Amino acid sequence: MTQYRISEAASLVGVSDDTIRRWVHDGLLRAEKDAAGRQVVAGDELAARAVAIAATVHDTSAVQRSARNRFVGLVTRVEIDGLMAQVELQCGPHRVVSLMSAEAARELRLEVGSKAVAVVKATMVALETENDGRA
C-alpha cells in the first residue's frame, strides 16, 4: 500500500501540513507510523479525501458534451500570431494551454481575465510514476 508522509500528502492535495494533521485528529484521515517512526497516511484514503474536497468550478453552460474532462478557469494569456493563437487558462491549480486558430480566438472574444472552459477529449493520456526500484 502506498503511504505518504504528512508533508507529501499536504503537497499532493494542495493544503498545509497542519490541515492534514487536523484531518487526522478529526478522523477524516487515518495516520500510522512508518518504519522510521514518522506519521504517514494511506494513499487510497488520501485519494478519496482529495476527490471529496476538490474545489471545482462548475460549468454552468447549457451545452451537453460527450467529453467528461472540462476545466473551468480564467484566461491568463492570449498570444495571436498569424493564423494561430495560444491561449492559457488557470483552472484552479492547473494550467491548461490550447492552440487554436486566430479566427476562433477572436470569435470567442478570449482576453486575459475572461472565463473559459477547456474541454479535453483524448484517446491517449500518458501517466508517469516515480521509479521505486522494483522491476
N, C-alpha and C. Protein backbone atom coordinates (compact mmCIF):
# COMPACT_ATOMS: atom_id res chain seq x y z
N MET A 1 0.85 -1.18 0.00
CA MET A 1 0.00 0.00 0.00
C MET A 1 0.89 1.24 0.00
N THR A 2 0.56 2.20 -0.85
CA THR A 2 1.30 3.45 -0.92
C THR A 2 0.97 4.31 0.30
N GLN A 3 2.00 4.86 0.90
CA GLN A 3 1.82 5.75 2.04
C GLN A 3 2.60 7.04 1.80
N TYR A 4 2.09 8.14 2.36
CA TYR A 4 2.73 9.45 2.21
C TYR A 4 2.96 10.08 3.56
N ARG A 5 4.14 10.68 3.72
CA ARG A 5 4.40 11.48 4.91
C ARG A 5 3.44 12.68 4.89
N ILE A 6 3.24 13.27 6.03
CA ILE A 6 2.30 14.38 6.17
C ILE A 6 2.61 15.49 5.17
N SER A 7 3.88 15.87 5.04
CA SER A 7 4.23 16.96 4.13
C SER A 7 3.96 16.58 2.67
N GLU A 8 4.22 15.33 2.31
CA GLU A 8 3.95 14.88 0.93
C GLU A 8 2.44 14.90 0.66
N ALA A 9 1.67 14.39 1.62
CA ALA A 9 0.21 14.36 1.49
C ALA A 9 -0.34 15.77 1.30
N ALA A 10 0.17 16.69 2.10
CA ALA A 10 -0.29 18.09 2.02
C ALA A 10 0.00 18.67 0.64
N SER A 11 1.18 18.41 0.15
CA SER A 11 1.57 18.92 -1.17
C SER A 11 0.70 18.34 -2.27
N LEU A 12 0.38 17.06 -2.17
CA LEU A 12 -0.41 16.41 -3.21
C LEU A 12 -1.84 16.93 -3.30
N VAL A 13 -2.43 17.31 -2.19
CA VAL A 13 -3.82 17.79 -2.22
C VAL A 13 -3.93 19.30 -2.09
N GLY A 14 -2.78 19.99 -2.01
CA GLY A 14 -2.79 21.45 -2.03
C GLY A 14 -3.26 22.10 -0.74
N VAL A 15 -2.92 21.48 0.39
CA VAL A 15 -3.26 22.07 1.69
C VAL A 15 -1.99 22.14 2.53
N SER A 16 -2.10 22.68 3.72
CA SER A 16 -0.93 22.78 4.61
C SER A 16 -0.75 21.48 5.38
N ASP A 17 0.45 21.31 5.92
CA ASP A 17 0.73 20.17 6.79
C ASP A 17 -0.25 20.16 7.97
N ASP A 18 -0.51 21.35 8.51
CA ASP A 18 -1.42 21.45 9.66
C ASP A 18 -2.83 20.97 9.30
N THR A 19 -3.26 21.20 8.07
CA THR A 19 -4.58 20.74 7.66
C THR A 19 -4.63 19.22 7.65
N ILE A 20 -3.57 18.58 7.14
CA ILE A 20 -3.52 17.11 7.15
C ILE A 20 -3.57 16.62 8.59
N ARG A 21 -2.79 17.22 9.47
CA ARG A 21 -2.79 16.82 10.88
C ARG A 21 -4.18 17.01 11.50
N ARG A 22 -4.85 18.09 11.14
CA ARG A 22 -6.21 18.36 11.65
C ARG A 22 -7.17 17.28 11.15
N TRP A 23 -7.04 16.90 9.88
CA TRP A 23 -7.91 15.84 9.34
C TRP A 23 -7.68 14.53 10.08
N VAL A 24 -6.42 14.25 10.40
CA VAL A 24 -6.11 13.04 11.17
C VAL A 24 -6.75 13.14 12.55
N HIS A 25 -6.57 14.28 13.22
CA HIS A 25 -7.15 14.50 14.54
C HIS A 25 -8.66 14.37 14.53
N ASP A 26 -9.30 14.89 13.46
CA ASP A 26 -10.76 14.88 13.36
C ASP A 26 -11.31 13.57 12.83
N GLY A 27 -10.42 12.62 12.50
CA GLY A 27 -10.87 11.32 12.00
C GLY A 27 -11.20 11.28 10.52
N LEU A 28 -10.83 12.33 9.79
CA LEU A 28 -11.10 12.35 8.35
C LEU A 28 -10.06 11.57 7.56
N LEU A 29 -8.89 11.37 8.16
CA LEU A 29 -7.82 10.53 7.60
C LEU A 29 -7.23 9.72 8.74
N ARG A 30 -6.79 8.53 8.42
CA ARG A 30 -6.10 7.70 9.39
C ARG A 30 -4.60 7.83 9.19
N ALA A 31 -3.86 7.93 10.27
CA ALA A 31 -2.40 8.00 10.18
C ALA A 31 -1.80 6.84 10.94
N GLU A 32 -0.67 6.38 10.44
CA GLU A 32 0.09 5.32 11.10
C GLU A 32 1.53 5.81 11.21
N LYS A 33 2.34 5.04 11.91
CA LYS A 33 3.77 5.33 11.97
C LYS A 33 4.48 4.42 10.98
N ASP A 34 5.42 4.97 10.21
CA ASP A 34 6.21 4.15 9.30
C ASP A 34 7.40 3.56 10.06
N ALA A 35 8.25 2.83 9.35
CA ALA A 35 9.41 2.18 9.98
C ALA A 35 10.34 3.17 10.66
N ALA A 36 10.36 4.42 10.19
CA ALA A 36 11.23 5.45 10.78
C ALA A 36 10.52 6.22 11.90
N GLY A 37 9.26 5.84 12.20
CA GLY A 37 8.53 6.50 13.28
C GLY A 37 7.80 7.76 12.87
N ARG A 38 7.76 8.05 11.55
CA ARG A 38 7.06 9.25 11.07
C ARG A 38 5.60 8.92 10.80
N GLN A 39 4.74 9.92 10.95
CA GLN A 39 3.33 9.74 10.63
C GLN A 39 3.17 9.66 9.11
N VAL A 40 2.38 8.69 8.68
CA VAL A 40 2.07 8.54 7.25
C VAL A 40 0.58 8.28 7.09
N VAL A 41 0.06 8.66 5.93
CA VAL A 41 -1.34 8.38 5.61
C VAL A 41 -1.38 7.48 4.37
N ALA A 42 -2.39 6.65 4.29
CA ALA A 42 -2.54 5.72 3.18
C ALA A 42 -2.93 6.47 1.92
N GLY A 43 -2.33 6.08 0.81
CA GLY A 43 -2.60 6.72 -0.47
C GLY A 43 -4.05 6.64 -0.89
N ASP A 44 -4.71 5.49 -0.66
CA ASP A 44 -6.10 5.35 -1.09
C ASP A 44 -7.03 6.27 -0.30
N GLU A 45 -6.75 6.44 1.00
CA GLU A 45 -7.55 7.36 1.80
C GLU A 45 -7.32 8.81 1.38
N LEU A 46 -6.06 9.13 1.09
CA LEU A 46 -5.74 10.48 0.65
C LEU A 46 -6.43 10.79 -0.68
N ALA A 47 -6.44 9.81 -1.58
CA ALA A 47 -7.10 9.99 -2.87
C ALA A 47 -8.60 10.24 -2.69
N ALA A 48 -9.24 9.49 -1.81
CA ALA A 48 -10.67 9.69 -1.56
C ALA A 48 -10.93 11.07 -0.97
N ARG A 49 -10.06 11.51 -0.07
CA ARG A 49 -10.21 12.85 0.53
C ARG A 49 -10.01 13.93 -0.52
N ALA A 50 -9.03 13.73 -1.43
CA ALA A 50 -8.77 14.70 -2.49
C ALA A 50 -10.00 14.88 -3.37
N VAL A 51 -10.66 13.77 -3.69
CA VAL A 51 -11.88 13.85 -4.51
C VAL A 51 -12.97 14.58 -3.74
N ALA A 52 -13.08 14.30 -2.46
CA ALA A 52 -14.14 14.92 -1.64
C ALA A 52 -13.97 16.42 -1.51
N ILE A 53 -12.73 16.90 -1.48
CA ILE A 53 -12.52 18.34 -1.27
C ILE A 53 -12.25 19.10 -2.56
N ALA A 54 -12.23 18.39 -3.68
CA ALA A 54 -11.88 19.04 -4.95
C ALA A 54 -12.73 20.29 -5.15
N ALA A 55 -12.04 21.40 -5.28
CA ALA A 55 -12.71 22.69 -5.48
C ALA A 55 -12.87 22.92 -6.97
N THR A 56 -13.92 22.38 -7.51
CA THR A 56 -14.15 22.55 -8.94
C THR A 56 -15.14 23.68 -9.16
N VAL A 57 -14.92 24.40 -10.20
CA VAL A 57 -15.87 25.42 -10.62
C VAL A 57 -16.77 24.74 -11.63
N HIS A 58 -18.05 24.76 -11.38
CA HIS A 58 -18.97 24.05 -12.25
C HIS A 58 -19.20 24.79 -13.56
N ASP A 59 -19.27 24.00 -14.61
CA ASP A 59 -19.57 24.52 -15.95
C ASP A 59 -21.07 24.75 -15.99
N THR A 60 -21.49 26.01 -16.00
CA THR A 60 -22.91 26.34 -15.94
C THR A 60 -23.55 26.50 -17.31
N SER A 61 -22.80 26.18 -18.38
CA SER A 61 -23.38 26.31 -19.71
C SER A 61 -24.46 25.26 -19.90
N ALA A 62 -25.38 25.54 -20.80
CA ALA A 62 -26.49 24.63 -21.05
C ALA A 62 -26.16 23.59 -22.11
N VAL A 63 -24.92 23.51 -22.51
CA VAL A 63 -24.50 22.58 -23.56
C VAL A 63 -24.15 21.24 -22.95
N GLN A 64 -24.62 20.16 -23.56
CA GLN A 64 -24.23 18.82 -23.12
C GLN A 64 -23.12 18.33 -24.03
N ARG A 65 -22.15 17.60 -23.46
CA ARG A 65 -20.99 17.14 -24.23
C ARG A 65 -20.69 15.69 -23.89
N SER A 66 -20.04 15.02 -24.81
CA SER A 66 -19.59 13.66 -24.51
C SER A 66 -18.29 13.69 -23.73
N ALA A 67 -17.52 14.74 -23.85
CA ALA A 67 -16.25 14.85 -23.13
C ALA A 67 -16.51 15.08 -21.65
N ARG A 68 -15.88 14.30 -20.81
CA ARG A 68 -16.07 14.42 -19.37
C ARG A 68 -15.03 15.31 -18.71
N ASN A 69 -13.96 15.60 -19.41
CA ASN A 69 -12.88 16.38 -18.83
C ASN A 69 -13.04 17.85 -19.19
N ARG A 70 -13.70 18.58 -18.30
CA ARG A 70 -13.93 20.01 -18.52
C ARG A 70 -13.31 20.77 -17.37
N PHE A 71 -12.55 21.80 -17.71
CA PHE A 71 -11.85 22.59 -16.72
C PHE A 71 -12.25 24.05 -16.88
N VAL A 72 -12.96 24.58 -15.90
CA VAL A 72 -13.37 25.98 -15.93
C VAL A 72 -12.25 26.81 -15.33
N GLY A 73 -11.91 27.90 -16.01
CA GLY A 73 -10.83 28.73 -15.49
C GLY A 73 -10.82 30.12 -16.07
N LEU A 74 -9.78 30.84 -15.71
CA LEU A 74 -9.59 32.21 -16.19
C LEU A 74 -8.50 32.24 -17.24
N VAL A 75 -8.73 32.99 -18.29
CA VAL A 75 -7.72 33.18 -19.32
C VAL A 75 -6.61 34.04 -18.73
N THR A 76 -5.38 33.54 -18.82
CA THR A 76 -4.24 34.27 -18.27
C THR A 76 -3.32 34.80 -19.35
N ARG A 77 -3.47 34.30 -20.57
CA ARG A 77 -2.61 34.76 -21.67
C ARG A 77 -3.26 34.41 -23.00
N VAL A 78 -3.21 35.33 -23.92
CA VAL A 78 -3.66 35.11 -25.29
C VAL A 78 -2.58 35.65 -26.21
N GLU A 79 -2.00 34.77 -27.00
CA GLU A 79 -0.98 35.19 -27.94
C GLU A 79 -1.43 34.80 -29.35
N ILE A 80 -1.72 35.80 -30.16
CA ILE A 80 -2.14 35.56 -31.54
C ILE A 80 -1.00 35.93 -32.45
N ASP A 81 -0.63 34.98 -33.32
CA ASP A 81 0.48 35.19 -34.25
C ASP A 81 0.06 34.61 -35.60
N GLY A 82 -0.25 35.46 -36.53
CA GLY A 82 -0.66 34.99 -37.85
C GLY A 82 -1.98 34.25 -37.79
N LEU A 83 -1.97 33.00 -38.25
CA LEU A 83 -3.19 32.22 -38.32
C LEU A 83 -3.51 31.46 -37.02
N MET A 84 -2.56 31.42 -36.10
CA MET A 84 -2.73 30.61 -34.89
C MET A 84 -2.74 31.46 -33.62
N ALA A 85 -3.34 30.89 -32.57
CA ALA A 85 -3.38 31.53 -31.26
C ALA A 85 -3.03 30.50 -30.19
N GLN A 86 -2.33 30.96 -29.17
CA GLN A 86 -2.06 30.14 -27.99
C GLN A 86 -2.76 30.81 -26.83
N VAL A 87 -3.64 30.06 -26.16
CA VAL A 87 -4.43 30.60 -25.06
C VAL A 87 -4.13 29.77 -23.82
N GLU A 88 -3.83 30.45 -22.71
CA GLU A 88 -3.55 29.77 -21.45
C GLU A 88 -4.66 30.08 -20.46
N LEU A 89 -5.09 29.06 -19.75
CA LEU A 89 -6.09 29.20 -18.69
C LEU A 89 -5.49 28.72 -17.39
N GLN A 90 -5.90 29.32 -16.29
CA GLN A 90 -5.57 28.82 -14.97
C GLN A 90 -6.87 28.25 -14.42
N CYS A 91 -6.90 26.93 -14.27
CA CYS A 91 -8.09 26.22 -13.81
C CYS A 91 -7.77 25.65 -12.43
N GLY A 92 -8.06 26.41 -11.39
CA GLY A 92 -7.64 26.00 -10.05
C GLY A 92 -6.13 25.96 -10.02
N PRO A 93 -5.55 24.86 -9.57
CA PRO A 93 -4.08 24.78 -9.53
C PRO A 93 -3.47 24.35 -10.86
N HIS A 94 -4.30 24.14 -11.88
CA HIS A 94 -3.80 23.60 -13.14
C HIS A 94 -3.75 24.65 -14.25
N ARG A 95 -2.67 24.62 -14.99
CA ARG A 95 -2.50 25.47 -16.17
C ARG A 95 -2.86 24.63 -17.39
N VAL A 96 -3.77 25.13 -18.20
CA VAL A 96 -4.20 24.44 -19.42
C VAL A 96 -3.88 25.35 -20.59
N VAL A 97 -3.22 24.79 -21.61
CA VAL A 97 -2.83 25.56 -22.79
C VAL A 97 -3.57 25.00 -24.00
N SER A 98 -4.15 25.88 -24.79
CA SER A 98 -4.86 25.48 -26.00
C SER A 98 -4.27 26.20 -27.21
N LEU A 99 -4.07 25.44 -28.26
CA LEU A 99 -3.67 26.01 -29.55
C LEU A 99 -4.88 25.97 -30.45
N MET A 100 -5.18 27.07 -31.08
CA MET A 100 -6.36 27.16 -31.94
C MET A 100 -6.10 28.18 -33.04
N SER A 101 -7.03 28.27 -33.95
CA SER A 101 -6.88 29.28 -35.00
C SER A 101 -7.08 30.67 -34.39
N ALA A 102 -6.43 31.63 -34.98
CA ALA A 102 -6.59 33.02 -34.54
C ALA A 102 -8.06 33.43 -34.70
N GLU A 103 -8.67 32.95 -35.77
CA GLU A 103 -10.08 33.26 -36.02
C GLU A 103 -10.96 32.77 -34.86
N ALA A 104 -10.72 31.55 -34.38
CA ALA A 104 -11.50 31.01 -33.27
C ALA A 104 -11.30 31.84 -32.00
N ALA A 105 -10.06 32.21 -31.72
CA ALA A 105 -9.78 33.01 -30.52
C ALA A 105 -10.51 34.35 -30.57
N ARG A 106 -10.53 34.94 -31.76
CA ARG A 106 -11.23 36.23 -31.91
C ARG A 106 -12.74 36.05 -31.78
N GLU A 107 -13.28 34.99 -32.40
CA GLU A 107 -14.73 34.74 -32.33
C GLU A 107 -15.19 34.49 -30.89
N LEU A 108 -14.35 33.81 -30.12
CA LEU A 108 -14.67 33.54 -28.72
C LEU A 108 -14.42 34.74 -27.82
N ARG A 109 -13.85 35.80 -28.39
CA ARG A 109 -13.53 37.02 -27.66
C ARG A 109 -12.71 36.71 -26.40
N LEU A 110 -11.69 35.87 -26.58
CA LEU A 110 -10.83 35.49 -25.47
C LEU A 110 -9.89 36.63 -25.14
N GLU A 111 -9.84 37.00 -23.88
CA GLU A 111 -8.92 38.03 -23.41
C GLU A 111 -8.54 37.71 -21.97
N VAL A 112 -7.42 38.22 -21.55
CA VAL A 112 -6.95 37.97 -20.19
C VAL A 112 -8.04 38.40 -19.20
N GLY A 113 -8.37 37.49 -18.30
CA GLY A 113 -9.40 37.76 -17.29
C GLY A 113 -10.76 37.20 -17.63
N SER A 114 -10.97 36.78 -18.88
CA SER A 114 -12.27 36.21 -19.22
C SER A 114 -12.34 34.76 -18.76
N LYS A 115 -13.57 34.28 -18.56
CA LYS A 115 -13.78 32.90 -18.14
C LYS A 115 -13.92 32.02 -19.37
N ALA A 116 -13.35 30.83 -19.31
CA ALA A 116 -13.45 29.88 -20.41
C ALA A 116 -13.48 28.47 -19.83
N VAL A 117 -13.94 27.54 -20.64
CA VAL A 117 -13.97 26.13 -20.26
C VAL A 117 -13.11 25.36 -21.24
N ALA A 118 -12.08 24.68 -20.71
CA ALA A 118 -11.24 23.82 -21.54
C ALA A 118 -11.91 22.45 -21.57
N VAL A 119 -12.22 21.96 -22.75
CA VAL A 119 -12.84 20.65 -22.91
C VAL A 119 -11.79 19.74 -23.54
N VAL A 120 -11.46 18.66 -22.83
CA VAL A 120 -10.40 17.76 -23.28
C VAL A 120 -11.02 16.41 -23.62
N LYS A 121 -10.82 15.97 -24.84
CA LYS A 121 -11.28 14.65 -25.27
C LYS A 121 -10.10 14.01 -25.96
N ALA A 122 -9.50 13.05 -25.31
CA ALA A 122 -8.31 12.43 -25.86
C ALA A 122 -8.39 10.92 -25.74
N THR A 123 -7.89 10.23 -26.73
CA THR A 123 -7.85 8.78 -26.67
C THR A 123 -6.56 8.30 -26.04
N MET A 124 -5.60 9.20 -25.86
CA MET A 124 -4.31 8.82 -25.28
C MET A 124 -3.94 9.81 -24.20
N VAL A 125 -3.78 9.32 -22.99
CA VAL A 125 -3.33 10.14 -21.89
C VAL A 125 -2.15 9.40 -21.26
N ALA A 126 -0.99 10.03 -21.23
CA ALA A 126 0.20 9.41 -20.67
C ALA A 126 0.28 9.68 -19.17
N LEU A 127 0.63 8.67 -18.40
CA LEU A 127 0.81 8.79 -16.97
C LEU A 127 2.24 8.45 -16.62
N GLU A 128 2.75 9.07 -15.56
CA GLU A 128 4.08 8.77 -15.07
C GLU A 128 4.00 8.49 -13.58
N THR A 129 4.88 7.63 -13.10
CA THR A 129 5.02 7.39 -11.67
C THR A 129 6.50 7.45 -11.33
N GLU A 130 6.79 7.57 -10.05
CA GLU A 130 8.18 7.57 -9.63
C GLU A 130 8.72 6.14 -9.68
N ASN A 131 9.98 6.00 -10.02
CA ASN A 131 10.63 4.70 -10.06
C ASN A 131 10.93 4.28 -8.63
N ASP A 132 10.33 3.17 -8.21
CA ASP A 132 10.53 2.71 -6.83
C ASP A 132 11.59 1.62 -6.74
N GLY A 133 12.30 1.33 -7.84
CA GLY A 133 13.37 0.37 -7.83
C GLY A 133 12.94 -1.06 -8.08
N ARG A 134 11.63 -1.30 -8.15
CA ARG A 134 11.15 -2.66 -8.45
C ARG A 134 11.19 -2.89 -9.95
N ALA A 135 11.42 -4.11 -10.33
CA ALA A 135 11.48 -4.46 -11.76
C ALA A 135 10.11 -4.68 -12.31
